[in-house]
Amino acid sequence: MSRKPSFANLRDRTVPESVVAPPAASQPVAQTQNQTGGQGATSGPASRQGRKQIAGFFTPEMSFAMHTLARRQGRSLQALMAEAFNDVLRKHGESPIGD
């Protein structure tokens, strides 16, 4: 079975400068990105520093219910998910982690 092509495969290719001339406005952005310590990418908002993403696929009904509850309580979906994950950890005898 063959794999789908990915844009990540293009990352190692080199393009002659005569083919692609960067606009003058893009140079300061590239300098800013390299100064943040990333490999050509920004490090993201400060609220995400030291955090990892956990993602899942849920039914539309579950998504709607969680978003509705979050809005009703004036909390973020992330806060509700952290509470749910801590409840699961407690249920299985693990120590809750926090936010």
Protein backbone atom coordinates (compact mmCIF):
# COMPACT_ATOMS: atom_id res chain seq x y z
CA MET A 1 0.00 0.00 0.00
CA SER A 2 1.47 3.35 -0.95
CA ARG A 3 1.41 6.34 1.35
CA LYS A 4 -0.22 9.65 0.54
CA PRO A 5 2.23 12.34 -0.46
CA SER A 6 2.98 14.84 2.27
CA PHE A 7 4.09 18.45 2.18
CA ALA A 8 6.68 17.47 4.80
CA ASN A 9 8.52 15.61 2.03
CA LEU A 10 9.10 18.93 0.25
CA ARG A 11 10.94 20.39 3.24
CA ASP A 12 14.32 18.93 2.18
CA ARG A 13 14.16 20.10 -1.42
CA THR A 14 16.18 23.12 -2.45
CA VAL A 15 14.89 25.68 -4.91
CA PRO A 16 17.30 27.95 -6.79
CA GLU A 17 16.98 31.59 -5.72
CA SER A 18 16.44 32.60 -9.34
CA VAL A 19 13.15 30.65 -9.30
CA VAL A 20 11.76 32.05 -6.05
CA ALA A 21 12.64 35.61 -5.06
CA PRO A 22 11.29 36.41 -1.58
CA PRO A 23 9.40 39.68 -1.24
CA ALA A 24 11.12 42.33 0.86
CA ALA A 25 8.39 42.20 3.53
CA SER A 26 8.96 38.52 4.31
CA GLN A 27 12.57 38.92 5.45
CA PRO A 28 11.83 40.44 8.90
CA VAL A 29 9.32 37.64 9.57
CA ALA A 30 11.93 34.98 8.79
CA GLN A 31 14.43 36.69 11.09
CA THR A 32 11.87 36.84 13.91
CA GLN A 33 11.04 33.17 13.51
CA ASN A 34 14.68 32.10 13.63
CA GLN A 35 15.33 34.18 16.76
CA THR A 36 12.56 32.41 18.70
CA GLY A 37 14.53 29.18 18.65
CA GLY A 38 12.19 27.25 16.37
CA GLN A 39 13.19 25.63 13.13
CA GLY A 40 11.64 28.26 10.92
CA ALA A 41 8.41 28.30 12.92
CA THR A 42 7.18 30.45 15.77
CA SER A 43 6.99 28.91 19.22
CA GLY A 44 3.29 29.75 19.70
CA PRO A 45 1.44 31.71 22.34
CA ALA A 46 2.82 31.88 25.88
CA SER A 47 -0.28 30.05 27.18
CA ARG A 48 0.87 26.94 25.28
CA GLN A 49 4.46 26.94 26.50
CA GLY A 50 5.31 23.69 28.30
CA ARG A 51 2.07 22.01 27.22
CA LYS A 52 1.24 19.17 24.83
CA GLN A 53 -1.88 18.74 22.75
CA ILE A 54 -4.23 15.81 23.34
CA ALA A 55 -6.81 15.34 20.62
CA GLY A 56 -9.66 12.92 19.98
CA PHE A 57 -12.58 12.38 17.67
CA PHE A 58 -16.04 12.45 19.22
CA THR A 59 -19.62 12.35 17.97
CA PRO A 60 -21.22 15.65 16.97
CA GLU A 61 -23.60 15.23 19.93
CA MET A 62 -20.71 14.95 22.43
CA SER A 63 -18.99 17.97 20.89
CA PHE A 64 -22.18 20.02 21.08
CA ALA A 65 -22.86 18.95 24.68
CA MET A 66 -19.32 19.84 25.83
CA HIS A 67 -19.30 23.20 24.04
CA THR A 68 -22.75 24.02 25.44
CA LEU A 69 -21.70 23.11 28.99
CA ALA A 70 -18.50 25.14 28.68
CA ARG A 71 -20.43 28.19 27.49
CA ARG A 72 -23.08 27.78 30.20
CA GLN A 73 -20.44 27.58 32.93
CA GLY A 74 -18.31 30.37 31.45
CA ARG A 75 -15.31 28.04 31.20
CA SER A 76 -13.14 26.91 28.34
CA LEU A 77 -13.52 23.53 26.70
CA GLN A 78 -9.90 22.87 27.69
CA ALA A 79 -10.75 23.44 31.37
CA LEU A 80 -13.67 20.99 31.17
CA MET A 81 -11.48 18.41 29.47
CA ALA A 82 -8.78 18.80 32.14
CA GLU A 83 -11.43 18.23 34.82
CA ALA A 84 -12.69 15.13 33.00
CA PHE A 85 -9.17 13.73 32.58
CA ASN A 86 -8.44 14.30 36.27
CA ASP A 87 -11.68 12.46 37.15
CA VAL A 88 -10.59 9.51 34.99
CA LEU A 89 -7.16 9.46 36.63
CA ARG A 90 -8.77 9.43 40.11
CA LYS A 91 -11.19 6.69 39.05
CA HIS A 92 -8.26 4.47 38.07
CA GLY A 93 -6.25 5.17 41.22
CA GLU A 94 -3.83 7.66 39.68
CA SER A 95 -2.96 11.04 41.09
CA PRO A 96 -4.72 13.96 39.34
CA ILE A 97 -2.35 16.22 37.46
CA GLY A 98 -4.14 19.57 37.52
CA ASP A 99 -4.86 22.04 34.74
